[in-house]
Amino acid sequence: MTIVARHDPRILTVEVTDELISAHLADGRTISVPLAWSWRLSNATPGQRQHFEIIGTGQGVHWPDVDEDISALGMLTGTPAPPPKQVAAQ
């Protein structure tokens, strides 16, 4: 008999406030990161922040209005979204 154990985090629900992105995981944990970790969500309207979908089987969250994706693993490992590169004026 083979038993498959899943060790990767799975997001069940998400909450976004003016300060935090919080994900409730299937294993009972809740993880939160500062909203500032996502420059796209920091610049988004409250309505855009609330319009999201959990993608895959809970591996991440996608905000279609601002084209942002955040993974559960990225939240756990502390990987913020890199800001856009500035184009030097010529």
PDB file of N, CA and C in Angstrom:
ATOM      1  N   MET A   1       0.841  -1.173   0.000  1.00  0.00           N
ATOM      2  CA  MET A   1       0.000   0.000   0.000  1.00  0.00           C
ATOM      3  C   MET A   1       0.892   1.243   0.000  1.00  0.00           C
ATOM      4  N   THR A   2       0.534   2.229  -0.794  1.00  0.00           N
ATOM      5  CA  THR A   2       1.276   3.481  -0.870  1.00  0.00           C
ATOM      6  C   THR A   2       0.425   4.596  -0.304  1.00  0.00           C
ATOM      7  N   ILE A   3       1.015   5.368   0.570  1.00  0.00           N
ATOM      8  CA  ILE A   3       0.334   6.534   1.122  1.00  0.00           C
ATOM      9  C   ILE A   3       1.102   7.759   0.673  1.00  0.00           C
ATOM     10  N   VAL A   4       0.387   8.699   0.087  1.00  0.00           N
ATOM     11  CA  VAL A   4       1.012   9.932  -0.377  1.00  0.00           C
ATOM     12  C   VAL A   4       0.715  11.016   0.642  1.00  0.00           C
ATOM     13  N   ALA A   5       1.760  11.576   1.201  1.00  0.00           N
ATOM     14  CA  ALA A   5       1.604  12.677   2.155  1.00  0.00           C
ATOM     15  C   ALA A   5       1.973  13.975   1.454  1.00  0.00           C
ATOM     16  N   ARG A   6       1.138  14.964   1.593  1.00  0.00           N
ATOM     17  CA  ARG A   6       1.401  16.263   0.983  1.00  0.00           C
ATOM     18  C   ARG A   6       2.075  17.142   2.020  1.00  0.00           C
ATOM     19  N   HIS A   7       3.197  17.706   1.655  1.00  0.00           N
ATOM     20  CA  HIS A   7       3.916  18.588   2.558  1.00  0.00           C
ATOM     21  C   HIS A   7       3.900  20.037   2.085  1.00  0.00           C
ATOM     22  N   ASP A   8       3.400  20.264   0.889  1.00  0.00           N
ATOM     23  CA  ASP A   8       3.370  21.629   0.391  1.00  0.00           C
ATOM     24  C   ASP A   8       2.141  22.347   0.955  1.00  0.00           C
ATOM     25  N   PRO A   9       2.298  23.627   1.264  1.00  0.00           N
ATOM     26  CA  PRO A   9       1.184  24.373   1.862  1.00  0.00           C
ATOM     27  C   PRO A   9       0.050  24.595   0.863  1.00  0.00           C
ATOM     28  N   ARG A  10      -1.183  24.532   1.349  1.00  0.00           N
ATOM     29  CA  ARG A  10      -2.370  24.732   0.521  1.00  0.00           C
ATOM     30  C   ARG A  10      -3.234  25.821   1.138  1.00  0.00           C
ATOM     31  N   ILE A  11      -3.515  26.851   0.355  1.00  0.00           N
ATOM     32  CA  ILE A  11      -4.344  27.958   0.820  1.00  0.00           C
ATOM     33  C   ILE A  11      -5.813  27.590   0.667  1.00  0.00           C
ATOM     34  N   LEU A  12      -6.578  27.809   1.746  1.00  0.00           N
ATOM     35  CA  LEU A  12      -8.019  27.597   1.704  1.00  0.00           C
ATOM     36  C   LEU A  12      -8.781  28.904   1.522  1.00  0.00           C
ATOM     37  N   THR A  13      -8.374  29.929   2.285  1.00  0.00           N
ATOM     38  CA  THR A  13      -9.028  31.236   2.199  1.00  0.00           C
ATOM     39  C   THR A  13      -7.977  32.327   2.328  1.00  0.00           C
ATOM     40  N   VAL A  14      -8.340  33.521   1.877  1.00  0.00           N
ATOM     41  CA  VAL A  14      -7.431  34.673   1.901  1.00  0.00           C
ATOM     42  C   VAL A  14      -8.197  35.884   2.411  1.00  0.00           C
ATOM     43  N   GLU A  15      -7.502  36.726   3.162  1.00  0.00           N
ATOM     44  CA  GLU A  15      -8.035  38.010   3.590  1.00  0.00           C
ATOM     45  C   GLU A  15      -6.995  39.072   3.263  1.00  0.00           C
ATOM     46  N   VAL A  16      -7.451  40.197   2.723  1.00  0.00           N
ATOM     47  CA  VAL A  16      -6.545  41.300   2.395  1.00  0.00           C
ATOM     48  C   VAL A  16      -7.076  42.550   3.089  1.00  0.00           C
ATOM     49  N   THR A  17      -6.222  43.175   3.892  1.00  0.00           N
ATOM     50  CA  THR A  17      -6.578  44.433   4.546  1.00  0.00           C
ATOM     51  C   THR A  17      -5.685  45.534   3.987  1.00  0.00           C
ATOM     52  N   ASP A  18      -5.779  46.729   4.567  1.00  0.00           N
ATOM     53  CA  ASP A  18      -4.906  47.829   4.147  1.00  0.00           C
ATOM     54  C   ASP A  18      -3.467  47.605   4.583  1.00  0.00           C
ATOM     55  N   GLU A  19      -3.225  46.608   5.440  1.00  0.00           N
ATOM     56  CA  GLU A  19      -1.874  46.368   5.960  1.00  0.00           C
ATOM     57  C   GLU A  19      -1.335  44.963   5.731  1.00  0.00           C
ATOM     58  N   LEU A  20      -2.231  43.957   5.620  1.00  0.00           N
ATOM     59  CA  LEU A  20      -1.776  42.564   5.577  1.00  0.00           C
ATOM     60  C   LEU A  20      -2.461  41.749   4.486  1.00  0.00           C
ATOM     61  N   ILE A  21      -1.743  40.720   4.033  1.00  0.00           N
ATOM     62  CA  ILE A  21      -2.307  39.645   3.224  1.00  0.00           C
ATOM     63  C   ILE A  21      -2.220  38.410   4.112  1.00  0.00           C
ATOM     64  N   SER A  22      -3.351  37.816   4.437  1.00  0.00           N
ATOM     65  CA  SER A  22      -3.379  36.646   5.319  1.00  0.00           C
ATOM     66  C   SER A  22      -3.961  35.459   4.571  1.00  0.00           C
ATOM     67  N   ALA A  23      -3.292  34.320   4.697  1.00  0.00           N
ATOM     68  CA  ALA A  23      -3.753  33.091   4.059  1.00  0.00           C
ATOM     69  C   ALA A  23      -3.982  32.044   5.141  1.00  0.00           C
ATOM     70  N   HIS A  24      -5.145  31.412   5.075  1.00  0.00           N
ATOM     71  CA  HIS A  24      -5.483  30.332   5.995  1.00  0.00           C
ATOM     72  C   HIS A  24      -5.203  29.022   5.261  1.00  0.00           C
ATOM     73  N   LEU A  25      -4.336  28.217   5.839  1.00  0.00           N
ATOM     74  CA  LEU A  25      -3.862  27.004   5.172  1.00  0.00           C
ATOM     75  C   LEU A  25      -4.658  25.776   5.588  1.00  0.00           C
ATOM     76  N   ALA A  26      -4.605  24.750   4.751  1.00  0.00           N
ATOM     77  CA  ALA A  26      -5.330  23.505   4.991  1.00  0.00           C
ATOM     78  C   ALA A  26      -4.869  22.799   6.263  1.00  0.00           C
ATOM     79  N   ASP A  27      -3.622  23.021   6.675  1.00  0.00           N
ATOM     80  CA  ASP A  27      -3.116  22.353   7.876  1.00  0.00           C
ATOM     81  C   ASP A  27      -3.449  23.108   9.165  1.00  0.00           C
ATOM     82  N   GLY A  28      -4.230  24.186   9.048  1.00  0.00           N
ATOM     83  CA  GLY A  28      -4.662  24.925  10.233  1.00  0.00           C
ATOM     84  C   GLY A  28      -3.876  26.183  10.526  1.00  0.00           C
ATOM     85  N   ARG A  29      -2.752  26.378   9.854  1.00  0.00           N
ATOM     86  CA  ARG A  29      -1.964  27.589  10.084  1.00  0.00           C
ATOM     87  C   ARG A  29      -2.564  28.771   9.344  1.00  0.00           C
ATOM     88  N   THR A  30      -2.297  29.959   9.877  1.00  0.00           N
ATOM     89  CA  THR A  30      -2.597  31.213   9.196  1.00  0.00           C
ATOM     90  C   THR A  30      -1.287  31.963   9.068  1.00  0.00           C
ATOM     91  N   ILE A  31      -0.959  32.368   7.861  1.00  0.00           N
ATOM     92  CA  ILE A  31       0.266  33.128   7.627  1.00  0.00           C
ATOM     93  C   ILE A  31      -0.104  34.500   7.083  1.00  0.00           C
ATOM     94  N   SER A  32       0.643  35.497   7.498  1.00  0.00           N
ATOM     95  CA  SER A  32       0.397  36.866   7.049  1.00  0.00           C
ATOM     96  C   SER A  32       1.698  37.512   6.634  1.00  0.00           C
ATOM     97  N   VAL A  33       1.606  38.338   5.605  1.00  0.00           N
ATOM     98  CA  VAL A  33       2.741  39.150   5.170  1.00  0.00           C
ATOM     99  C   VAL A  33       2.245  40.582   5.008  1.00  0.00           C
ATOM    100  N   PRO A  34       3.150  41.546   5.126  1.00  0.00           N
ATOM    101  CA  PRO A  34       2.735  42.935   4.934  1.00  0.00           C
ATOM    102  C   PRO A  34       2.243  43.177   3.515  1.00  0.00           C
ATOM    103  N   LEU A  35       1.225  43.990   3.366  1.00  0.00           N
ATOM    104  CA  LEU A  35       0.724  44.354   2.044  1.00  0.00           C
ATOM    105  C   LEU A  35       1.840  44.974   1.204  1.00  0.00           C
ATOM    106  N   ALA A  36       2.753  45.674   1.849  1.00  0.00           N
ATOM    107  CA  ALA A  36       3.862  46.332   1.147  1.00  0.00           C
ATOM    108  C   ALA A  36       4.761  45.329   0.411  1.00  0.00           C
ATOM    109  N   TRP A  37       4.674  44.038   0.733  1.00  0.00           N
ATOM    110  CA  TRP A  37       5.462  43.047   0.014  1.00  0.00           C
ATOM    111  C   TRP A  37       5.047  42.952  -1.440  1.00  0.00           C
ATOM    112  N   SER A  38       3.852  43.393  -1.758  1.00  0.00           N
ATOM    113  CA  SER A  38       3.383  43.387  -3.142  1.00  0.00           C
ATOM    114  C   SER A  38       3.149  44.823  -3.573  1.00  0.00           C
ATOM    115  N   TRP A  39       4.035  45.362  -4.377  1.00  0.00           N
ATOM    116  CA  TRP A  39       3.859  46.742  -4.828  1.00  0.00           C
ATOM    117  C   TRP A  39       2.597  46.874  -5.671  1.00  0.00           C
ATOM    118  N   ARG A  40       2.224  45.818  -6.398  1.00  0.00           N
ATOM    119  CA  ARG A  40       0.999  45.884  -7.197  1.00  0.00           C
ATOM    120  C   ARG A  40      -0.239  46.000  -6.306  1.00  0.00           C
ATOM    121  N   LEU A  41      -0.293  45.196  -5.252  1.00  0.00           N
ATOM    122  CA  LEU A  41      -1.443  45.264  -4.349  1.00  0.00           C
ATOM    123  C   LEU A  41      -1.412  46.531  -3.506  1.00  0.00           C
ATOM    124  N   SER A  42      -0.230  47.008  -3.172  1.00  0.00           N
ATOM    125  CA  SER A  42      -0.123  48.264  -2.418  1.00  0.00           C
ATOM    126  C   SER A  42      -0.695  49.423  -3.218  1.00  0.00           C
ATOM    127  N   ASN A  43      -0.528  49.382  -4.540  1.00  0.00           N
ATOM    128  CA  ASN A  43      -1.025  50.443  -5.413  1.00  0.00           C
ATOM    129  C   ASN A  43      -2.455  50.203  -5.896  1.00  0.00           C
ATOM    130  N   ALA A  44      -3.024  49.053  -5.582  1.00  0.00           N
ATOM    131  CA  ALA A  44      -4.365  48.703  -6.048  1.00  0.00           C
ATOM    132  C   ALA A  44      -5.444  49.354  -5.187  1.00  0.00           C
ATOM    133  N   THR A  45      -6.629  49.448  -5.744  1.00  0.00           N
ATOM    134  CA  THR A  45      -7.773  49.944  -4.983  1.00  0.00           C
ATOM    135  C   THR A  45      -8.255  48.836  -4.035  1.00  0.00           C
ATOM    136  N   PRO A  46      -9.006  49.198  -2.998  1.00  0.00           N
ATOM    137  CA  PRO A  46      -9.562  48.157  -2.119  1.00  0.00           C
ATOM    138  C   PRO A  46     -10.393  47.122  -2.893  1.00  0.00           C
ATOM    139  N   GLY A  47     -11.146  47.576  -3.885  1.00  0.00           N
ATOM    140  CA  GLY A  47     -11.932  46.650  -4.691  1.00  0.00           C
ATOM    141  C   GLY A  47     -11.069  45.675  -5.477  1.00  0.00           C
ATOM    142  N   GLN A  48      -9.965  46.168  -6.034  1.00  0.00           N
ATOM    143  CA  GLN A  48      -9.050  45.295  -6.767  1.00  0.00           C
ATOM    144  C   GLN A  48      -8.395  44.288  -5.832  1.00  0.00           C
ATOM    145  N   ARG A  49      -8.090  44.703  -4.619  1.00  0.00           N
ATOM    146  CA  ARG A  49      -7.479  43.786  -3.636  1.00  0.00           C
ATOM    147  C   ARG A  49      -8.428  42.666  -3.246  1.00  0.00           C
ATOM    148  N   GLN A  50      -9.717  42.943  -3.250  1.00  0.00           N
ATOM    149  CA  GLN A  50     -10.703  41.938  -2.840  1.00  0.00           C
ATOM    150  C   GLN A  50     -11.104  41.004  -3.976  1.00  0.00           C
ATOM    151  N   HIS A  51     -10.701  41.325  -5.199  1.00  0.00           N
ATOM    152  CA  HIS A  51     -11.027  40.488  -6.360  1.00  0.00           C
ATOM    153  C   HIS A  51      -9.846  39.564  -6.642  1.00  0.00           C
ATOM    154  N   PHE A  52      -9.890  38.370  -6.071  1.00  0.00           N
ATOM    155  CA  PHE A  52      -8.806  37.399  -6.233  1.00  0.00           C
ATOM    156  C   PHE A  52      -9.389  36.010  -6.398  1.00  0.00           C
ATOM    157  N   GLU A  53      -8.526  35.092  -6.827  1.00  0.00           N
ATOM    158  CA  GLU A  53      -8.922  33.691  -6.928  1.00  0.00           C
ATOM    159  C   GLU A  53      -7.777  32.831  -6.425  1.00  0.00           C
ATOM    160  N   ILE A  54      -8.123  31.776  -5.727  1.00  0.00           N
ATOM    161  CA  ILE A  54      -7.123  30.807  -5.283  1.00  0.00           C
ATOM    162  C   ILE A  54      -6.831  29.920  -6.481  1.00  0.00           C
ATOM    163  N   ILE A  55      -5.547  29.760  -6.796  1.00  0.00           N
ATOM    164  CA  ILE A  55      -5.162  29.048  -8.016  1.00  0.00           C
ATOM    165  C   ILE A  55      -4.551  27.683  -7.695  1.00  0.00           C
ATOM    166  N   GLY A  56      -4.564  26.833  -8.711  1.00  0.00           N
ATOM    167  CA  GLY A  56      -4.088  25.467  -8.532  1.00  0.00           C
ATOM    168  C   GLY A  56      -4.994  24.760  -7.544  1.00  0.00           C
ATOM    169  N   THR A  57      -4.407  24.004  -6.692  1.00  0.00           N
ATOM    170  CA  THR A  57      -5.169  23.361  -5.613  1.00  0.00           C
ATOM    171  C   THR A  57      -4.863  24.047  -4.295  1.00  0.00           C
ATOM    172  N   GLY A  58      -4.635  25.354  -4.391  1.00  0.00           N
ATOM    173  CA  GLY A  58      -4.342  26.139  -3.207  1.00  0.00           C
ATOM    174  C   GLY A  58      -2.891  26.563  -3.110  1.00  0.00           C
ATOM    175  N   GLN A  59      -2.129  26.379  -4.189  1.00  0.00           N
ATOM    176  CA  GLN A  59      -0.712  26.765  -4.166  1.00  0.00           C
ATOM    177  C   GLN A  59      -0.517  28.263  -4.111  1.00  0.00           C
ATOM    178  N   GLY A  60      -1.469  29.034  -4.600  1.00  0.00           N
ATOM    179  CA  GLY A  60      -1.280  30.475  -4.638  1.00  0.00           C
ATOM    180  C   GLY A  60      -2.570  31.227  -4.816  1.00  0.00           C
ATOM    181  N   VAL A  61      -2.424  32.546  -4.944  1.00  0.00           N
ATOM    182  CA  VAL A  61      -3.550  33.449  -5.126  1.00  0.00           C
ATOM    183  C   VAL A  61      -3.234  34.353  -6.315  1.00  0.00           C
ATOM    184  N   HIS A  62      -4.257  34.609  -7.127  1.00  0.00           N
ATOM    185  CA  HIS A  62      -4.095  35.472  -8.301  1.00  0.00           C
ATOM    186  C   HIS A  62      -5.087  36.623  -8.206  1.00  0.00           C
ATOM    187  N   TRP A  63      -4.591  37.850  -8.431  1.00  0.00           N
ATOM    188  CA  TRP A  63      -5.416  39.058  -8.503  1.00  0.00           C
ATOM    189  C   TRP A  63      -5.440  39.491  -9.966  1.00  0.00           C
ATOM    190  N   PRO A  64      -6.505  39.164 -10.715  1.00  0.00           N
ATOM    191  CA  PRO A  64      -6.527  39.440 -12.154  1.00  0.00           C
ATOM    192  C   PRO A  64      -6.533  40.925 -12.503  1.00  0.00           C
ATOM    193  N   ASP A  65      -7.115  41.771 -11.654  1.00  0.00           N
ATOM    194  CA  ASP A  65      -7.192  43.195 -11.971  1.00  0.00           C
ATOM    195  C   ASP A  65      -5.834  43.882 -11.973  1.00  0.00           C
ATOM    196  N   VAL A  66      -4.870  43.322 -11.223  1.00  0.00           N
ATOM    197  CA  VAL A  66      -3.540  43.945 -11.143  1.00  0.00           C
ATOM    198  C   VAL A  66      -2.434  42.982 -11.574  1.00  0.00           C
ATOM    199  N   ASP A  67      -2.831  41.811 -12.104  1.00  0.00           N
ATOM    200  CA  ASP A  67      -1.889  40.803 -12.603  1.00  0.00           C
ATOM    201  C   ASP A  67      -0.838  40.443 -11.550  1.00  0.00           C
ATOM    202  N   GLU A  68      -1.299  40.096 -10.354  1.00  0.00           N
ATOM    203  CA  GLU A  68      -0.392  39.723  -9.261  1.00  0.00           C
ATOM    204  C   GLU A  68      -0.659  38.281  -8.857  1.00  0.00           C
ATOM    205  N   ASP A  69       0.410  37.553  -8.575  1.00  0.00           N
ATOM    206  CA  ASP A  69       0.332  36.188  -8.065  1.00  0.00           C
ATOM    207  C   ASP A  69       1.219  36.095  -6.841  1.00  0.00           C
ATOM    208  N   ILE A  70       0.706  35.463  -5.793  1.00  0.00           N
ATOM    209  CA  ILE A  70       1.491  35.215  -4.590  1.00  0.00           C
ATOM    210  C   ILE A  70       1.300  33.748  -4.235  1.00  0.00           C
ATOM    211  N   SER A  71       2.400  33.050  -3.990  1.00  0.00           N
ATOM    212  CA  SER A  71       2.310  31.634  -3.634  1.00  0.00           C
ATOM    213  C   SER A  71       2.353  31.461  -2.123  1.00  0.00           C
ATOM    214  N   ALA A  72       1.769  30.358  -1.672  1.00  0.00           N
ATOM    215  CA  ALA A  72       1.826  30.028  -0.250  1.00  0.00           C
ATOM    216  C   ALA A  72       3.279  29.819   0.163  1.00  0.00           C
ATOM    217  N   LEU A  73       4.039  29.152  -0.667  1.00  0.00           N
ATOM    218  CA  LEU A  73       5.445  28.907  -0.364  1.00  0.00           C
ATOM    219  C   LEU A  73       6.225  30.213  -0.283  1.00  0.00           C
ATOM    220  N   GLY A  74       5.935  31.151  -1.182  1.00  0.00           N
ATOM    221  CA  GLY A  74       6.594  32.449  -1.140  1.00  0.00           C
ATOM    222  C   GLY A  74       6.277  33.204   0.142  1.00  0.00           C
ATOM    223  N   MET A  75       5.031  33.108   0.601  1.00  0.00           N
ATOM    224  CA  MET A  75       4.664  33.758   1.861  1.00  0.00           C
ATOM    225  C   MET A  75       5.418  33.115   3.027  1.00  0.00           C
ATOM    226  N   LEU A  76       5.526  31.792   3.010  1.00  0.00           N
ATOM    227  CA  LEU A  76       6.207  31.086   4.101  1.00  0.00           C
ATOM    228  C   LEU A  76       7.706  31.331   4.121  1.00  0.00           C
ATOM    229  N   THR A  77       8.298  31.494   2.950  1.00  0.00           N
ATOM    230  CA  THR A  77       9.751  31.675   2.892  1.00  0.00           C
ATOM    231  C   THR A  77      10.170  33.135   2.901  1.00  0.00           C
ATOM    232  N   GLY A  78       9.198  34.040   2.892  1.00  0.00           N
ATOM    233  CA  GLY A  78       9.519  35.465   2.963  1.00  0.00           C
ATOM    234  C   GLY A  78      10.069  36.019   1.674  1.00  0.00           C
ATOM    235  N   THR A  79       9.374  35.752   0.579  1.00  0.00           N
ATOM    236  CA  THR A  79       9.821  36.208  -0.731  1.00  0.00           C
ATOM    237  C   THR A  79       8.884  37.286  -1.255  1.00  0.00           C
ATOM    238  N   PRO A  80       9.186  38.576  -1.005  1.00  0.00           N
ATOM    239  CA  PRO A  80       8.324  39.645  -1.513  1.00  0.00           C
ATOM    240  C   PRO A  80       8.480  39.817  -3.023  1.00  0.00           C
ATOM    241  N   ALA A  81       7.469  40.442  -3.615  1.00  0.00           N
ATOM    242  CA  ALA A  81       7.516  40.719  -5.054  1.00  0.00           C
ATOM    243  C   ALA A  81       8.560  41.797  -5.320  1.00  0.00           C
ATOM    244  N   PRO A  82       9.446  41.585  -6.286  1.00  0.00           N
ATOM    245  CA  PRO A  82      10.430  42.620  -6.600  1.00  0.00           C
ATOM    246  C   PRO A  82       9.762  43.834  -7.261  1.00  0.00           C
ATOM    247  N   PRO A  83      10.172  45.020  -6.895  1.00  0.00           N
ATOM    248  CA  PRO A  83       9.595  46.222  -7.549  1.00  0.00           C
ATOM    249  C   PRO A  83      10.048  46.296  -9.003  1.00  0.00           C
ATOM    250  N   PRO A  84       9.318  47.035  -9.823  1.00  0.00           N
ATOM    251  CA  PRO A  84       9.727  47.166 -11.231  1.00  0.00           C
ATOM    252  C   PRO A  84      11.054  47.894 -11.325  1.00  0.00           C
ATOM    253  N   LYS A  85      11.821  47.538 -12.331  1.00  0.00           N
ATOM    254  CA  LYS A  85      13.109  48.220 -12.547  1.00  0.00           C
ATOM    255  C   LYS A  85      12.851  49.579 -13.148  1.00  0.00           C
ATOM    256  N   GLN A  86      13.589  50.552 -12.682  1.00  0.00           N
ATOM    257  CA  GLN A  86      13.493  51.910 -13.205  1.00  0.00           C
ATOM    258  C   GLN A  86      14.282  51.996 -14.495  1.00  0.00           C
ATOM    259  N   VAL A  87      13.695  52.611 -15.494  1.00  0.00           N
ATOM    260  CA  VAL A  87      14.382  52.822 -16.761  1.00  0.00           C
ATOM    261  C   VAL A  87      15.116  54.150 -16.662  1.00  0.00           C
ATOM    262  N   ALA A  88      16.400  54.102 -16.912  1.00  0.00           N
ATOM    263  CA  ALA A  88      17.216  55.326 -16.836  1.00  0.00           C
ATOM    264  C   ALA A  88      16.862  56.277 -17.972  1.00  0.00           C
ATOM    265  N   ALA A  89      16.731  57.547 -17.649  1.00  0.00           N
ATOM    266  CA  ALA A  89      16.453  58.570 -18.660  1.00  0.00           C
ATOM    267  C   ALA A  89      17.698  58.786 -19.518  1.00  0.00           C
ATOM    268  N   GLN A  90      17.475  58.976 -20.796  1.00  0.00           N
ATOM    269  CA  GLN A  90      18.638  59.165 -21.692  1.00  0.00           C
ATOM    270  C   GLN A  90      18.587  60.517 -22.341  1.00  0.00           C
TER     271      GLN A  90
END
